[in-house]
Amino acid sequence: SYKSLAMSQARRNTTIFNTPRFAMRSIILLCLEKDFSEVQELIDSFCEEDCRFEESRELAFIYDIMQSISCSDLDKFADSVYSFNEIVELDDLMLETLEGLMPIVEQQADKGEP
């Protein structure tokens, strides 16, 4: 899993800089399950494992995504993905995963729930 891959990357000096990328993948995949308390726990565990993750652009992106879901804001979601993709090009798998989050944002908007 991406979680175990990220944790193992954080423990090696030669691969430590890969940690935020794998952590982001793991967290976004977990968002698909709609259990945001578990998402926050995973974020906390990555921050404990690698203190640099707290200040990473990947975590800022994750928080933007989570905020757009909680606010049911598809425009903010699309802007966040576009902006992050300008900095770090997202691969096809990540784009498909993010596309899978769009119905969750829409569902929240239809329910009128954050």
C-alpha atoms as a PDB file:
ATOM      1  CA  SER A   1       0.000   0.000   0.000  1.00  0.00           C
ATOM      2  CA  TYR A   2       1.059   3.597  -0.452  1.00  0.00           C
ATOM      3  CA  LYS A   3       0.920   4.101   3.318  1.00  0.00           C
ATOM      4  CA  SER A   4       3.531   1.449   4.025  1.00  0.00           C
ATOM      5  CA  LEU A   5       5.610   2.656   1.083  1.00  0.00           C
ATOM      6  CA  ALA A   6       5.558   6.226   2.405  1.00  0.00           C
ATOM      7  CA  MET A   7       6.496   5.104   5.908  1.00  0.00           C
ATOM      8  CA  SER A   8       9.401   3.028   4.608  1.00  0.00           C
ATOM      9  CA  GLN A   9      10.608   5.940   2.444  1.00  0.00           C
ATOM     10  CA  ALA A  10      10.626   8.192   5.512  1.00  0.00           C
ATOM     11  CA  ARG A  11      12.962   5.826   7.342  1.00  0.00           C
ATOM     12  CA  ARG A  12      15.674   5.850   4.669  1.00  0.00           C
ATOM     13  CA  ASN A  13      17.951   8.814   4.124  1.00  0.00           C
ATOM     14  CA  THR A  14      18.250   8.136   0.396  1.00  0.00           C
ATOM     15  CA  THR A  15      14.487   8.083  -0.233  1.00  0.00           C
ATOM     16  CA  ILE A  16      13.151  10.386   2.474  1.00  0.00           C
ATOM     17  CA  PHE A  17      12.165  13.041  -0.062  1.00  0.00           C
ATOM     18  CA  ASN A  18       9.670  10.640  -1.665  1.00  0.00           C
ATOM     19  CA  THR A  19       7.624  10.476   1.536  1.00  0.00           C
ATOM     20  CA  PRO A  20       5.235  13.403   0.836  1.00  0.00           C
ATOM     21  CA  ARG A  21       4.377  12.093  -2.631  1.00  0.00           C
ATOM     22  CA  PHE A  22       3.493   8.603  -1.392  1.00  0.00           C
ATOM     23  CA  ALA A  23       1.730   9.986   1.686  1.00  0.00           C
ATOM     24  CA  MET A  24      -0.420  12.205  -0.553  1.00  0.00           C
ATOM     25  CA  ARG A  25      -1.408   9.218  -2.694  1.00  0.00           C
ATOM     26  CA  SER A  26      -2.318   7.175   0.367  1.00  0.00           C
ATOM     27  CA  ILE A  27      -4.401   9.958   1.891  1.00  0.00           C
ATOM     28  CA  ILE A  28      -6.269  10.798  -1.317  1.00  0.00           C
ATOM     29  CA  LEU A  29      -7.088   7.127  -1.865  1.00  0.00           C
ATOM     30  CA  LEU A  30      -8.459   7.011   1.678  1.00  0.00           C
ATOM     31  CA  CYS A  31     -10.639  10.057   0.916  1.00  0.00           C
ATOM     32  CA  LEU A  32     -12.503   7.876  -1.584  1.00  0.00           C
ATOM     33  CA  GLU A  33     -13.782   5.849   1.368  1.00  0.00           C
ATOM     34  CA  LYS A  34     -15.383   9.015   2.827  1.00  0.00           C
ATOM     35  CA  ASP A  35     -14.022   8.371   6.330  1.00  0.00           C
ATOM     36  CA  PHE A  36     -12.456  11.745   7.041  1.00  0.00           C
ATOM     37  CA  SER A  37     -11.677  10.990  10.683  1.00  0.00           C
ATOM     38  CA  GLU A  38      -9.460   8.161   9.444  1.00  0.00           C
ATOM     39  CA  VAL A  39      -7.959  10.548   6.870  1.00  0.00           C
ATOM     40  CA  GLN A  40      -7.008  12.962   9.660  1.00  0.00           C
ATOM     41  CA  GLU A  41      -5.483  10.113  11.686  1.00  0.00           C
ATOM     42  CA  LEU A  42      -3.379   9.121   8.672  1.00  0.00           C
ATOM     43  CA  ILE A  43      -2.263  12.729   8.166  1.00  0.00           C
ATOM     44  CA  ASP A  44      -1.265  12.903  11.836  1.00  0.00           C
ATOM     45  CA  SER A  45       0.711   9.662  11.585  1.00  0.00           C
ATOM     46  CA  PHE A  46       2.602  10.916   8.521  1.00  0.00           C
ATOM     47  CA  CYS A  47       3.361  14.196  10.291  1.00  0.00           C
ATOM     48  CA  GLU A  48       4.733  12.254  13.274  1.00  0.00           C
ATOM     49  CA  GLU A  49       6.858  10.054  11.010  1.00  0.00           C
ATOM     50  CA  ASP A  50       8.261  12.914   8.914  1.00  0.00           C
ATOM     51  CA  CYS A  51       8.097  16.412  10.387  1.00  0.00           C
ATOM     52  CA  ARG A  52       8.674  17.957   6.943  1.00  0.00           C
ATOM     53  CA  PHE A  53       5.304  16.639   5.777  1.00  0.00           C
ATOM     54  CA  GLU A  54       3.501  19.277   7.873  1.00  0.00           C
ATOM     55  CA  GLU A  55       5.001  22.040   5.711  1.00  0.00           C
ATOM     56  CA  SER A  56       4.786  20.206   2.392  1.00  0.00           C
ATOM     57  CA  ARG A  57       2.900  21.373  -0.672  1.00  0.00           C
ATOM     58  CA  GLU A  58       1.336  17.899  -0.767  1.00  0.00           C
ATOM     59  CA  LEU A  59      -0.317  18.385   2.616  1.00  0.00           C
ATOM     60  CA  ALA A  60      -1.499  21.868   1.635  1.00  0.00           C
ATOM     61  CA  PHE A  61      -3.053  20.304  -1.467  1.00  0.00           C
ATOM     62  CA  ILE A  62      -4.746  17.600   0.614  1.00  0.00           C
ATOM     63  CA  TYR A  63      -6.232  20.229   2.919  1.00  0.00           C
ATOM     64  CA  ASP A  64      -7.484  22.181  -0.116  1.00  0.00           C
ATOM     65  CA  ILE A  65      -9.149  19.028  -1.431  1.00  0.00           C
ATOM     66  CA  MET A  66     -10.703  18.217   1.941  1.00  0.00           C
ATOM     67  CA  GLN A  67     -11.980  21.775   2.300  1.00  0.00           C
ATOM     68  CA  SER A  68     -13.550  21.712  -1.156  1.00  0.00           C
ATOM     69  CA  ILE A  69     -15.296  18.444  -0.233  1.00  0.00           C
ATOM     70  CA  SER A  70     -16.552  19.795   3.088  1.00  0.00           C
ATOM     71  CA  CYS A  71     -17.757  23.011   1.402  1.00  0.00           C
ATOM     72  CA  SER A  72     -19.237  21.101  -1.560  1.00  0.00           C
ATOM     73  CA  ASP A  73     -17.304  23.394  -3.892  1.00  0.00           C
ATOM     74  CA  LEU A  74     -16.497  21.791  -7.247  1.00  0.00           C
ATOM     75  CA  ASP A  75     -14.900  24.999  -8.530  1.00  0.00           C
ATOM     76  CA  LYS A  76     -12.481  25.096  -5.600  1.00  0.00           C
ATOM     77  CA  PHE A  77     -11.770  21.407  -6.101  1.00  0.00           C
ATOM     78  CA  ALA A  78     -10.966  21.920  -9.798  1.00  0.00           C
ATOM     79  CA  ASP A  79      -8.859  25.013  -9.057  1.00  0.00           C
ATOM     80  CA  SER A  80      -6.888  23.122  -6.402  1.00  0.00           C
ATOM     81  CA  VAL A  81      -6.164  20.218  -8.728  1.00  0.00           C
ATOM     82  CA  TYR A  82      -5.207  22.551 -11.574  1.00  0.00           C
ATOM     83  CA  SER A  83      -2.923  24.662  -9.365  1.00  0.00           C
ATOM     84  CA  PHE A  84      -1.174  21.662  -7.837  1.00  0.00           C
ATOM     85  CA  ASN A  85      -0.753  20.063 -11.258  1.00  0.00           C
ATOM     86  CA  GLU A  86       1.049  23.210 -12.397  1.00  0.00           C
ATOM     87  CA  ILE A  87       3.622  22.697  -9.619  1.00  0.00           C
ATOM     88  CA  VAL A  88       3.877  18.910  -9.615  1.00  0.00           C
ATOM     89  CA  GLU A  89       2.539  17.108 -12.647  1.00  0.00           C
ATOM     90  CA  LEU A  90       0.023  14.512 -11.522  1.00  0.00           C
ATOM     91  CA  ASP A  91       0.186  11.144 -13.228  1.00  0.00           C
ATOM     92  CA  ASP A  92      -2.787   9.400 -14.826  1.00  0.00           C
ATOM     93  CA  LEU A  93      -3.481   7.235 -11.777  1.00  0.00           C
ATOM     94  CA  MET A  94      -3.612  10.257  -9.480  1.00  0.00           C
ATOM     95  CA  LEU A  95      -5.847  12.165 -11.909  1.00  0.00           C
ATOM     96  CA  GLU A  96      -8.239   9.201 -12.086  1.00  0.00           C
ATOM     97  CA  THR A  97      -8.302   9.014  -8.297  1.00  0.00           C
ATOM     98  CA  LEU A  98      -9.041  12.729  -8.029  1.00  0.00           C
ATOM     99  CA  GLU A  99     -11.748  12.349 -10.651  1.00  0.00           C
ATOM    100  CA  GLY A 100     -13.254   9.700  -8.382  1.00  0.00           C
ATOM    101  CA  LEU A 101     -13.557  12.328  -5.646  1.00  0.00           C
ATOM    102  CA  MET A 102     -15.717  14.605  -7.800  1.00  0.00           C
ATOM    103  CA  PRO A 103     -18.941  12.622  -7.163  1.00  0.00           C
ATOM    104  CA  ILE A 104     -18.251  12.889  -3.429  1.00  0.00           C
ATOM    105  CA  VAL A 105     -18.052  16.681  -3.726  1.00  0.00           C
ATOM    106  CA  GLU A 106     -21.238  16.704  -5.819  1.00  0.00           C
ATOM    107  CA  GLN A 107     -22.997  14.349  -3.408  1.00  0.00           C
ATOM    108  CA  GLN A 108     -22.201  16.667  -0.511  1.00  0.00           C
ATOM    109  CA  ALA A 109     -23.574  19.594  -2.522  1.00  0.00           C
ATOM    110  CA  ASP A 110     -26.788  17.697  -3.334  1.00  0.00           C
ATOM    111  CA  LYS A 111     -27.305  16.833   0.332  1.00  0.00           C
ATOM    112  CA  GLY A 112     -26.419  20.324   1.452  1.00  0.00           C
ATOM    113  CA  GLU A 113     -23.994  18.786   3.947  1.00  0.00           C
ATOM    114  CA  PRO A 114     -20.399  19.764   4.711  1.00  0.00           C
END
